[in-house]
Amino acid sequence: MTVTVVDAPEARRYEARLDDGPEVAGFAEYIRTAELIAFVHTEVSPAHEGLGIGSALVRASLDEARAAGLRVLATCPFYAGWIDRHPEYADLLYQNRSKVSD
């Protein structure tokens, strides 16, 4: 089984397919700006759970974010948890650097 992950910018999500088939087995929705990509929701179809599709989505999308020089905002709990378990990706996380206070 091969998981292929591709960016589908018109749908604002990364999509995962098994063995290059037509069916989307999982997806990760995002909001993207010129400097930041926020991952807001990840979903894997029940028929494909437990096959590593979520991890493949996160790894591929974070690798692309790194290559594009984007900061990452992981509002999706799956992304946040995955990055916690893979600290080699923690450097991508967006940090609020504002010095403004109330």
PDB file of N, CA and C in Angstrom:
ATOM      1  N   MET A   1       0.840  -1.177   0.000  1.00  0.00           N
ATOM      2  CA  MET A   1       0.000   0.000   0.000  1.00  0.00           C
ATOM      3  C   MET A   1       0.886   1.240   0.000  1.00  0.00           C
ATOM      4  N   THR A   2       0.630   2.140  -0.918  1.00  0.00           N
ATOM      5  CA  THR A   2       1.350   3.400  -1.025  1.00  0.00           C
ATOM      6  C   THR A   2       0.380   4.540  -0.797  1.00  0.00           C
ATOM      7  N   VAL A   3       0.740   5.468   0.097  1.00  0.00           N
ATOM      8  CA  VAL A   3      -0.062   6.655   0.342  1.00  0.00           C
ATOM      9  C   VAL A   3       0.561   7.800  -0.442  1.00  0.00           C
ATOM     10  N   THR A   4      -0.235   8.420  -1.295  1.00  0.00           N
ATOM     11  CA  THR A   4       0.206   9.568  -2.068  1.00  0.00           C
ATOM     12  C   THR A   4      -0.523  10.793  -1.549  1.00  0.00           C
ATOM     13  N   VAL A   5       0.235  11.827  -1.202  1.00  0.00           N
ATOM     14  CA  VAL A   5      -0.333  13.068  -0.690  1.00  0.00           C
ATOM     15  C   VAL A   5      -0.054  14.174  -1.698  1.00  0.00           C
ATOM     16  N   VAL A   6      -1.106  14.900  -2.071  1.00  0.00           N
ATOM     17  CA  VAL A   6      -0.964  16.019  -3.007  1.00  0.00           C
ATOM     18  C   VAL A   6      -1.693  17.234  -2.452  1.00  0.00           C
ATOM     19  N   ASP A   7      -1.179  18.402  -2.792  1.00  0.00           N
ATOM     20  CA  ASP A   7      -1.842  19.652  -2.451  1.00  0.00           C
ATOM     21  C   ASP A   7      -2.942  19.894  -3.476  1.00  0.00           C
ATOM     22  N   ALA A   8      -4.142  20.188  -2.981  1.00  0.00           N
ATOM     23  CA  ALA A   8      -5.271  20.553  -3.837  1.00  0.00           C
ATOM     24  C   ALA A   8      -5.645  21.991  -3.488  1.00  0.00           C
ATOM     25  N   PRO A   9      -4.886  22.985  -3.989  1.00  0.00           N
ATOM     26  CA  PRO A   9      -5.079  24.367  -3.559  1.00  0.00           C
ATOM     27  C   PRO A   9      -6.469  24.918  -3.851  1.00  0.00           C
ATOM     28  N   GLU A  10      -7.115  24.446  -4.903  1.00  0.00           N
ATOM     29  CA  GLU A  10      -8.471  24.918  -5.208  1.00  0.00           C
ATOM     30  C   GLU A  10      -9.463  24.521  -4.121  1.00  0.00           C
ATOM     31  N   ALA A  11      -9.175  23.443  -3.405  1.00  0.00           N
ATOM     32  CA  ALA A  11     -10.026  22.994  -2.280  1.00  0.00           C
ATOM     33  C   ALA A  11      -9.433  23.407  -0.936  1.00  0.00           C
ATOM     34  N   ARG A  12      -8.260  24.042  -0.961  1.00  0.00           N
ATOM     35  CA  ARG A  12      -7.539  24.459   0.250  1.00  0.00           C
ATOM     36  C   ARG A  12      -7.323  23.279   1.195  1.00  0.00           C
ATOM     37  N   ARG A  13      -6.765  22.214   0.630  1.00  0.00           N
ATOM     38  CA  ARG A  13      -6.478  21.039   1.455  1.00  0.00           C
ATOM     39  C   ARG A  13      -5.448  20.144   0.776  1.00  0.00           C
ATOM     40  N   TYR A  14      -4.804  19.349   1.609  1.00  0.00           N
ATOM     41  CA  TYR A  14      -3.959  18.263   1.128  1.00  0.00           C
ATOM     42  C   TYR A  14      -4.836  17.018   1.106  1.00  0.00           C
ATOM     43  N   GLU A  15      -4.670  16.196   0.077  1.00  0.00           N
ATOM     44  CA  GLU A  15      -5.462  14.984  -0.058  1.00  0.00           C
ATOM     45  C   GLU A  15      -4.551  13.767  -0.127  1.00  0.00           C
ATOM     46  N   ALA A  16      -4.992  12.696   0.518  1.00  0.00           N
ATOM     47  CA  ALA A  16      -4.245  11.437   0.507  1.00  0.00           C
ATOM     48  C   ALA A  16      -5.059  10.382  -0.232  1.00  0.00           C
ATOM     49  N   ARG A  17      -4.372   9.667  -1.098  1.00  0.00           N
ATOM     50  CA  ARG A  17      -4.986   8.561  -1.830  1.00  0.00           C
ATOM     51  C   ARG A  17      -4.110   7.331  -1.664  1.00  0.00           C
ATOM     52  N   LEU A  18      -4.744   6.170  -1.710  1.00  0.00           N
ATOM     53  CA  LEU A  18      -4.011   4.916  -1.604  1.00  0.00           C
ATOM     54  C   LEU A  18      -3.723   4.369  -2.989  1.00  0.00           C
ATOM     55  N   ASP A  19      -2.481   3.971  -3.202  1.00  0.00           N
ATOM     56  CA  ASP A  19      -2.059   3.346  -4.464  1.00  0.00           C
ATOM     57  C   ASP A  19      -2.504   4.147  -5.681  1.00  0.00           C
ATOM     58  N   ASP A  20      -2.449   5.481  -5.559  1.00  0.00           N
ATOM     59  CA  ASP A  20      -2.818   6.395  -6.645  1.00  0.00           C
ATOM     60  C   ASP A  20      -4.242   6.194  -7.157  1.00  0.00           C
ATOM     61  N   GLY A  21      -5.106   5.646  -6.319  1.00  0.00           N
ATOM     62  CA  GLY A  21      -6.506   5.464  -6.703  1.00  0.00           C
ATOM     63  C   GLY A  21      -7.266   6.779  -6.714  1.00  0.00           C
ATOM     64  N   PRO A  22      -8.497   6.764  -7.210  1.00  0.00           N
ATOM     65  CA  PRO A  22      -9.276   7.994  -7.323  1.00  0.00           C
ATOM     66  C   PRO A  22      -9.912   8.447  -5.998  1.00  0.00           C
ATOM     67  N   GLU A  23     -10.076   7.520  -5.062  1.00  0.00           N
ATOM     68  CA  GLU A  23     -10.771   7.840  -3.816  1.00  0.00           C
ATOM     69  C   GLU A  23      -9.854   8.586  -2.849  1.00  0.00           C
ATOM     70  N   VAL A  24     -10.385   9.687  -2.285  1.00  0.00           N
ATOM     71  CA  VAL A  24      -9.655  10.427  -1.265  1.00  0.00           C
ATOM     72  C   VAL A  24      -9.836   9.681   0.054  1.00  0.00           C
ATOM     73  N   ALA A  25      -8.728   9.192   0.605  1.00  0.00           N
ATOM     74  CA  ALA A  25      -8.773   8.424   1.849  1.00  0.00           C
ATOM     75  C   ALA A  25      -8.698   9.325   3.066  1.00  0.00           C
ATOM     76  N   GLY A  26      -8.171  10.527   2.897  1.00  0.00           N
ATOM     77  CA  GLY A  26      -8.069  11.488   3.987  1.00  0.00           C
ATOM     78  C   GLY A  26      -7.655  12.841   3.451  1.00  0.00           C
ATOM     79  N   PHE A  27      -7.883  13.874   4.267  1.00  0.00           N
ATOM     80  CA  PHE A  27      -7.500  15.217   3.838  1.00  0.00           C
ATOM     81  C   PHE A  27      -7.170  16.073   5.050  1.00  0.00           C
ATOM     82  N   ALA A  28      -6.408  17.120   4.797  1.00  0.00           N
ATOM     83  CA  ALA A  28      -6.034  18.102   5.810  1.00  0.00           C
ATOM     84  C   ALA A  28      -6.345  19.483   5.241  1.00  0.00           C
ATOM     85  N   GLU A  29      -7.325  20.161   5.828  1.00  0.00           N
ATOM     86  CA  GLU A  29      -7.721  21.490   5.358  1.00  0.00           C
ATOM     87  C   GLU A  29      -6.793  22.552   5.929  1.00  0.00           C
ATOM     88  N   TYR A  30      -6.562  23.594   5.137  1.00  0.00           N
ATOM     89  CA  TYR A  30      -5.670  24.658   5.582  1.00  0.00           C
ATOM     90  C   TYR A  30      -6.135  26.022   5.114  1.00  0.00           C
ATOM     91  N   ILE A  31      -5.571  27.038   5.768  1.00  0.00           N
ATOM     92  CA  ILE A  31      -5.689  28.432   5.346  1.00  0.00           C
ATOM     93  C   ILE A  31      -4.247  28.889   5.134  1.00  0.00           C
ATOM     94  N   ARG A  32      -3.984  29.460   3.974  1.00  0.00           N
ATOM     95  CA  ARG A  32      -2.597  29.804   3.630  1.00  0.00           C
ATOM     96  C   ARG A  32      -2.468  31.272   3.259  1.00  0.00           C
ATOM     97  N   THR A  33      -1.412  31.886   3.758  1.00  0.00           N
ATOM     98  CA  THR A  33      -1.033  33.234   3.353  1.00  0.00           C
ATOM     99  C   THR A  33       0.370  33.134   2.745  1.00  0.00           C
ATOM    100  N   ALA A  34       0.946  34.263   2.419  1.00  0.00           N
ATOM    101  CA  ALA A  34       2.289  34.261   1.837  1.00  0.00           C
ATOM    102  C   ALA A  34       3.345  33.799   2.837  1.00  0.00           C
ATOM    103  N   GLU A  35       3.065  33.924   4.136  1.00  0.00           N
ATOM    104  CA  GLU A  35       4.060  33.598   5.155  1.00  0.00           C
ATOM    105  C   GLU A  35       3.669  32.473   6.093  1.00  0.00           C
ATOM    106  N   LEU A  36       2.403  32.075   6.082  1.00  0.00           N
ATOM    107  CA  LEU A  36       1.879  31.163   7.100  1.00  0.00           C
ATOM    108  C   LEU A  36       0.902  30.172   6.497  1.00  0.00           C
ATOM    109  N   ILE A  37       0.915  28.948   7.023  1.00  0.00           N
ATOM    110  CA  ILE A  37      -0.121  27.975   6.684  1.00  0.00           C
ATOM    111  C   ILE A  37      -0.707  27.468   7.998  1.00  0.00           C
ATOM    112  N   ALA A  38      -2.016  27.587   8.131  1.00  0.00           N
ATOM    113  CA  ALA A  38      -2.719  27.136   9.329  1.00  0.00           C
ATOM    114  C   ALA A  38      -3.484  25.868   8.980  1.00  0.00           C
ATOM    115  N   PHE A  39      -3.171  24.785   9.674  1.00  0.00           N
ATOM    116  CA  PHE A  39      -3.889  23.525   9.466  1.00  0.00           C
ATOM    117  C   PHE A  39      -5.044  23.488  10.449  1.00  0.00           C
ATOM    118  N   VAL A  40      -6.264  23.452   9.908  1.00  0.00           N
ATOM    119  CA  VAL A  40      -7.453  23.637  10.734  1.00  0.00           C
ATOM    120  C   VAL A  40      -8.288  22.374  10.945  1.00  0.00           C
ATOM    121  N   HIS A  41      -8.153  21.397  10.067  1.00  0.00           N
ATOM    122  CA  HIS A  41      -8.978  20.190  10.218  1.00  0.00           C
ATOM    123  C   HIS A  41      -8.355  19.053   9.415  1.00  0.00           C
ATOM    124  N   THR A  42      -8.292  17.890  10.035  1.00  0.00           N
ATOM    125  CA  THR A  42      -7.799  16.690   9.365  1.00  0.00           C
ATOM    126  C   THR A  42      -8.835  15.592   9.528  1.00  0.00           C
ATOM    127  N   GLU A  43      -9.061  14.866   8.454  1.00  0.00           N
ATOM    128  CA  GLU A  43     -10.060  13.795   8.500  1.00  0.00           C
ATOM    129  C   GLU A  43      -9.582  12.619   7.657  1.00  0.00           C
ATOM    130  N   VAL A  44      -9.726  11.426   8.215  1.00  0.00           N
ATOM    131  CA  VAL A  44      -9.437  10.184   7.499  1.00  0.00           C
ATOM    132  C   VAL A  44     -10.728   9.383   7.480  1.00  0.00           C
ATOM    133  N   SER A  45     -11.082   8.846   6.322  1.00  0.00           N
ATOM    134  CA  SER A  45     -12.329   8.081   6.231  1.00  0.00           C
ATOM    135  C   SER A  45     -12.245   6.866   7.158  1.00  0.00           C
ATOM    136  N   PRO A  46     -13.363   6.497   7.779  1.00  0.00           N
ATOM    137  CA  PRO A  46     -13.360   5.366   8.709  1.00  0.00           C
ATOM    138  C   PRO A  46     -12.801   4.080   8.104  1.00  0.00           C
ATOM    139  N   ALA A  47     -13.020   3.874   6.820  1.00  0.00           N
ATOM    140  CA  ALA A  47     -12.525   2.658   6.169  1.00  0.00           C
ATOM    141  C   ALA A  47     -11.008   2.628   6.074  1.00  0.00           C
ATOM    142  N   HIS A  48     -10.358   3.780   6.258  1.00  0.00           N
ATOM    143  CA  HIS A  48      -8.909   3.861   6.095  1.00  0.00           C
ATOM    144  C   HIS A  48      -8.179   4.233   7.380  1.00  0.00           C
ATOM    145  N   GLU A  49      -8.872   4.245   8.495  1.00  0.00           N
ATOM    146  CA  GLU A  49      -8.231   4.581   9.760  1.00  0.00           C
ATOM    147  C   GLU A  49      -7.218   3.511  10.144  1.00  0.00           C
ATOM    148  N   GLY A  50      -6.164   3.944  10.826  1.00  0.00           N
ATOM    149  CA  GLY A  50      -5.153   3.017  11.309  1.00  0.00           C
ATOM    150  C   GLY A  50      -4.123   2.603  10.273  1.00  0.00           C
ATOM    151  N   LEU A  51      -4.133   3.236   9.119  1.00  0.00           N
ATOM    152  CA  LEU A  51      -3.199   2.881   8.048  1.00  0.00           C
ATOM    153  C   LEU A  51      -2.066   3.894   7.894  1.00  0.00           C
ATOM    154  N   GLY A  52      -1.999   4.870   8.790  1.00  0.00           N
ATOM    155  CA  GLY A  52      -0.941   5.872   8.717  1.00  0.00           C
ATOM    156  C   GLY A  52      -1.231   7.013   7.769  1.00  0.00           C
ATOM    157  N   ILE A  53      -2.469   7.145   7.344  1.00  0.00           N
ATOM    158  CA  ILE A  53      -2.813   8.186   6.385  1.00  0.00           C
ATOM    159  C   ILE A  53      -2.699   9.568   7.014  1.00  0.00           C
ATOM    160  N   GLY A  54      -3.166   9.728   8.243  1.00  0.00           N
ATOM    161  CA  GLY A  54      -3.052  11.017   8.927  1.00  0.00           C
ATOM    162  C   GLY A  54      -1.606  11.442   9.059  1.00  0.00           C
ATOM    163  N   SER A  55      -0.755  10.521   9.466  1.00  0.00           N
ATOM    164  CA  SER A  55       0.674  10.832   9.596  1.00  0.00           C
ATOM    165  C   SER A  55       1.290  11.195   8.252  1.00  0.00           C
ATOM    166  N   ALA A  56       0.899  10.503   7.203  1.00  0.00           N
ATOM    167  CA  ALA A  56       1.413  10.810   5.867  1.00  0.00           C
ATOM    168  C   ALA A  56       0.991  12.215   5.435  1.00  0.00           C
ATOM    169  N   LEU A  57      -0.245  12.586   5.740  1.00  0.00           N
ATOM    170  CA  LEU A  57      -0.730  13.931   5.422  1.00  0.00           C
ATOM    171  C   LEU A  57       0.096  14.991   6.143  1.00  0.00           C
ATOM    172  N   VAL A  58       0.301  14.787   7.440  1.00  0.00           N
ATOM    173  CA  VAL A  58       1.040  15.778   8.227  1.00  0.00           C
ATOM    174  C   VAL A  58       2.475  15.882   7.736  1.00  0.00           C
ATOM    175  N   ARG A  59       3.141  14.761   7.605  1.00  0.00           N
ATOM    176  CA  ARG A  59       4.558  14.781   7.205  1.00  0.00           C
ATOM    177  C   ARG A  59       4.735  15.455   5.836  1.00  0.00           C
ATOM    178  N   ALA A  60       3.934  15.072   4.862  1.00  0.00           N
ATOM    179  CA  ALA A  60       4.075  15.636   3.512  1.00  0.00           C
ATOM    180  C   ALA A  60       3.776  17.133   3.505  1.00  0.00           C
ATOM    181  N   SER A  61       2.733  17.545   4.197  1.00  0.00           N
ATOM    182  CA  SER A  61       2.368  18.965   4.193  1.00  0.00           C
ATOM    183  C   SER A  61       3.387  19.804   4.958  1.00  0.00           C
ATOM    184  N   LEU A  62       3.924  19.273   6.051  1.00  0.00           N
ATOM    185  CA  LEU A  62       4.944  20.017   6.793  1.00  0.00           C
ATOM    186  C   LEU A  62       6.252  20.086   6.008  1.00  0.00           C
ATOM    187  N   ASP A  63       6.591  19.026   5.307  1.00  0.00           N
ATOM    188  CA  ASP A  63       7.786  19.064   4.466  1.00  0.00           C
ATOM    189  C   ASP A  63       7.646  20.123   3.375  1.00  0.00           C
ATOM    190  N   GLU A  64       6.453  20.232   2.794  1.00  0.00           N
ATOM    191  CA  GLU A  64       6.223  21.262   1.774  1.00  0.00           C
ATOM    192  C   GLU A  64       6.257  22.653   2.386  1.00  0.00           C
ATOM    193  N   ALA A  65       5.697  22.810   3.604  1.00  0.00           N
ATOM    194  CA  ALA A  65       5.738  24.103   4.287  1.00  0.00           C
ATOM    195  C   ALA A  65       7.189  24.521   4.527  1.00  0.00           C
ATOM    196  N   ARG A  66       7.996  23.576   4.976  1.00  0.00           N
ATOM    197  CA  ARG A  66       9.427  23.867   5.215  1.00  0.00           C
ATOM    198  C   ARG A  66      10.101  24.306   3.913  1.00  0.00           C
ATOM    199  N   ALA A  67       9.859  23.580   2.833  1.00  0.00           N
ATOM    200  CA  ALA A  67      10.476  23.897   1.551  1.00  0.00           C
ATOM    201  C   ALA A  67      10.049  25.279   1.038  1.00  0.00           C
ATOM    202  N   ALA A  68       8.805  25.680   1.361  1.00  0.00           N
ATOM    203  CA  ALA A  68       8.288  26.976   0.914  1.00  0.00           C
ATOM    204  C   ALA A  68       8.628  28.108   1.883  1.00  0.00           C
ATOM    205  N   GLY A  69       9.266  27.788   3.003  1.00  0.00           N
ATOM    206  CA  GLY A  69       9.622  28.808   3.982  1.00  0.00           C
ATOM    207  C   GLY A  69       8.439  29.341   4.764  1.00  0.00           C
ATOM    208  N   LEU A  70       7.401  28.515   4.935  1.00  0.00           N
ATOM    209  CA  LEU A  70       6.195  28.940   5.655  1.00  0.00           C
ATOM    210  C   LEU A  70       6.280  28.595   7.140  1.00  0.00           C
ATOM    211  N   ARG A  71       5.716  29.446   7.977  1.00  0.00           N
ATOM    212  CA  ARG A  71       5.504  29.130   9.384  1.00  0.00           C
ATOM    213  C   ARG A  71       4.207  28.319   9.453  1.00  0.00           C
ATOM    214  N   VAL A  72       4.046  27.522  10.496  1.00  0.00           N
ATOM    215  CA  VAL A  72       2.896  26.625  10.624  1.00  0.00           C
ATOM    216  C   VAL A  72       2.123  26.960  11.894  1.00  0.00           C
ATOM    217  N   LEU A  73       0.818  27.103  11.740  1.00  0.00           N
ATOM    218  CA  LEU A  73      -0.087  27.253  12.870  1.00  0.00           C
ATOM    219  C   LEU A  73      -0.933  25.985  12.925  1.00  0.00           C
ATOM    220  N   ALA A  74      -0.722  25.189  13.950  1.00  0.00           N
ATOM    221  CA  ALA A  74      -1.400  23.891  14.066  1.00  0.00           C
ATOM    222  C   ALA A  74      -2.617  24.016  14.970  1.00  0.00           C
ATOM    223  N   THR A  75      -3.717  24.538  14.424  1.00  0.00           N
ATOM    224  CA  THR A  75      -4.945  24.641  15.225  1.00  0.00           C
ATOM    225  C   THR A  75      -5.691  23.313  15.264  1.00  0.00           C
ATOM    226  N   CYS A  76      -5.427  22.453  14.304  1.00  0.00           N
ATOM    227  CA  CYS A  76      -6.010  21.111  14.302  1.00  0.00           C
ATOM    228  C   CYS A  76      -5.332  20.286  15.398  1.00  0.00           C
ATOM    229  N   PRO A  77      -6.102  19.674  16.299  1.00  0.00           N
ATOM    230  CA  PRO A  77      -5.503  18.886  17.375  1.00  0.00           C
ATOM    231  C   PRO A  77      -4.632  17.740  16.877  1.00  0.00           C
ATOM    232  N   PHE A  78      -4.979  17.127  15.756  1.00  0.00           N
ATOM    233  CA  PHE A  78      -4.165  16.043  15.225  1.00  0.00           C
ATOM    234  C   PHE A  78      -2.781  16.557  14.836  1.00  0.00           C
ATOM    235  N   TYR A  79      -2.730  17.690  14.145  1.00  0.00           N
ATOM    236  CA  TYR A  79      -1.450  18.286  13.773  1.00  0.00           C
ATOM    237  C   TYR A  79      -0.634  18.658  15.005  1.00  0.00           C
ATOM    238  N   ALA A  80      -1.274  19.308  15.959  1.00  0.00           N
ATOM    239  CA  ALA A  80      -0.566  19.734  17.170  1.00  0.00           C
ATOM    240  C   ALA A  80       0.023  18.533  17.904  1.00  0.00           C
ATOM    241  N   GLY A  81      -0.748  17.471  18.052  1.00  0.00           N
ATOM    242  CA  GLY A  81      -0.270  16.270  18.730  1.00  0.00           C
ATOM    243  C   GLY A  81       0.842  15.590  17.962  1.00  0.00           C
ATOM    244  N   TRP A  82       0.720  15.548  16.648  1.00  0.00           N
ATOM    245  CA  TRP A  82       1.741  14.902  15.824  1.00  0.00           C
ATOM    246  C   TRP A  82       3.061  15.658  15.944  1.00  0.00           C
ATOM    247  N   ILE A  83       3.003  16.977  15.886  1.00  0.00           N
ATOM    248  CA  ILE A  83       4.225  17.779  16.002  1.00  0.00           C
ATOM    249  C   ILE A  83       4.840  17.615  17.392  1.00  0.00           C
ATOM    250  N   ASP A  84       4.015  17.515  18.426  1.00  0.00           N
ATOM    251  CA  ASP A  84       4.540  17.262  19.778  1.00  0.00           C
ATOM    252  C   ASP A  84       5.339  15.960  19.828  1.00  0.00           C
ATOM    253  N   ARG A  85       4.882  14.953  19.077  1.00  0.00           N
ATOM    254  CA  ARG A  85       5.568  13.655  19.065  1.00  0.00           C
ATOM    255  C   ARG A  85       6.744  13.610  18.093  1.00  0.00           C
ATOM    256  N   HIS A  86       6.875  14.619  17.256  1.00  0.00           N
ATOM    257  CA  HIS A  86       7.953  14.687  16.259  1.00  0.00           C
ATOM    258  C   HIS A  86       8.628  16.054  16.369  1.00  0.00           C
ATOM    259  N   PRO A  87       9.444  16.245  17.394  1.00  0.00           N
ATOM    260  CA  PRO A  87      10.022  17.572  17.649  1.00  0.00           C
ATOM    261  C   PRO A  87      10.913  18.100  16.528  1.00  0.00           C
ATOM    262  N   GLU A  88      11.308  17.261  15.591  1.00  0.00           N
ATOM    263  CA  GLU A  88      12.106  17.749  14.472  1.00  0.00           C
ATOM    264  C   GLU A  88      11.323  18.711  13.581  1.00  0.00           C
ATOM    265  N   TYR A  89       9.994  18.808  13.795  1.00  0.00           N
ATOM    266  CA  TYR A  89       9.162  19.738  13.047  1.00  0.00           C
ATOM    267  C   TYR A  89       8.758  20.959  13.877  1.00  0.00           C
ATOM    268  N   ALA A  90       9.132  21.011  15.138  1.00  0.00           N
ATOM    269  CA  ALA A  90       8.714  22.093  16.038  1.00  0.00           C
ATOM    270  C   ALA A  90       9.231  23.456  15.584  1.00  0.00           C
ATOM    271  N   ASP A  91      10.342  23.480  14.875  1.00  0.00           N
ATOM    272  CA  ASP A  91      10.888  24.757  14.419  1.00  0.00           C
ATOM    273  C   ASP A  91       9.987  25.457  13.404  1.00  0.00           C
ATOM    274  N   LEU A  92       9.053  24.731  12.817  1.00  0.00           N
ATOM    275  CA  LEU A  92       8.128  25.332  11.846  1.00  0.00           C
ATOM    276  C   LEU A  92       6.998  26.116  12.505  1.00  0.00           C
ATOM    277  N   LEU A  93       6.753  25.859  13.781  1.00  0.00           N
ATOM    278  CA  LEU A  93       5.589  26.443  14.449  1.00  0.00           C
ATOM    279  C   LEU A  93       5.666  27.964  14.534  1.00  0.00           C
ATOM    280  N   TYR A  94       4.554  28.565  14.244  1.00  0.00           N
ATOM    281  CA  TYR A  94       4.408  30.018  14.333  1.00  0.00           C
ATOM    282  C   TYR A  94       4.486  30.437  15.791  1.00  0.00           C
ATOM    283  N   GLN A  95       5.249  31.481  16.042  1.00  0.00           N
ATOM    284  CA  GLN A  95       5.344  32.060  17.379  1.00  0.00           C
ATOM    285  C   GLN A  95       4.942  33.521  17.273  1.00  0.00           C
ATOM    286  N   ASN A  96       3.991  33.915  18.092  1.00  0.00           N
ATOM    287  CA  ASN A  96       3.572  35.307  18.112  1.00  0.00           C
ATOM    288  C   ASN A  96       4.716  36.141  18.675  1.00  0.00           C
ATOM    289  N   ARG A  97       5.213  37.052  17.888  1.00  0.00           N
ATOM    290  CA  ARG A  97       6.344  37.873  18.309  1.00  0.00           C
ATOM    291  C   ARG A  97       5.947  39.319  18.619  1.00  0.00           C
ATOM    292  N   SER A  98       4.655  39.561  18.705  1.00  0.00           N
ATOM    293  CA  SER A  98       4.190  40.908  18.988  1.00  0.00           C
ATOM    294  C   SER A  98       4.559  41.333  20.395  1.00  0.00           C
ATOM    295  N   LYS A  99       4.949  42.573  20.542  1.00  0.00           N
ATOM    296  CA  LYS A  99       5.269  43.114  21.859  1.00  0.00           C
ATOM    297  C   LYS A  99       4.155  44.028  22.353  1.00  0.00           C
ATOM    298  N   VAL A 100       3.043  44.048  21.645  1.00  0.00           N
ATOM    299  CA  VAL A 100       1.908  44.893  22.015  1.00  0.00           C
ATOM    300  C   VAL A 100       1.180  44.248  23.201  1.00  0.00           C
ATOM    301  N   SER A 101       0.815  45.065  24.163  1.00  0.00           N
ATOM    302  CA  SER A 101       0.035  44.574  25.302  1.00  0.00           C
ATOM    303  C   SER A 101      -1.103  45.539  25.572  1.00  0.00           C
ATOM    304  N   ASP A 102      -2.056  45.084  26.327  1.00  0.00           N
ATOM    305  CA  ASP A 102      -3.210  45.931  26.662  1.00  0.00           C
ATOM    306  C   ASP A 102      -2.855  47.001  27.644  1.00  0.00           C
TER     307      ASP A 102
END
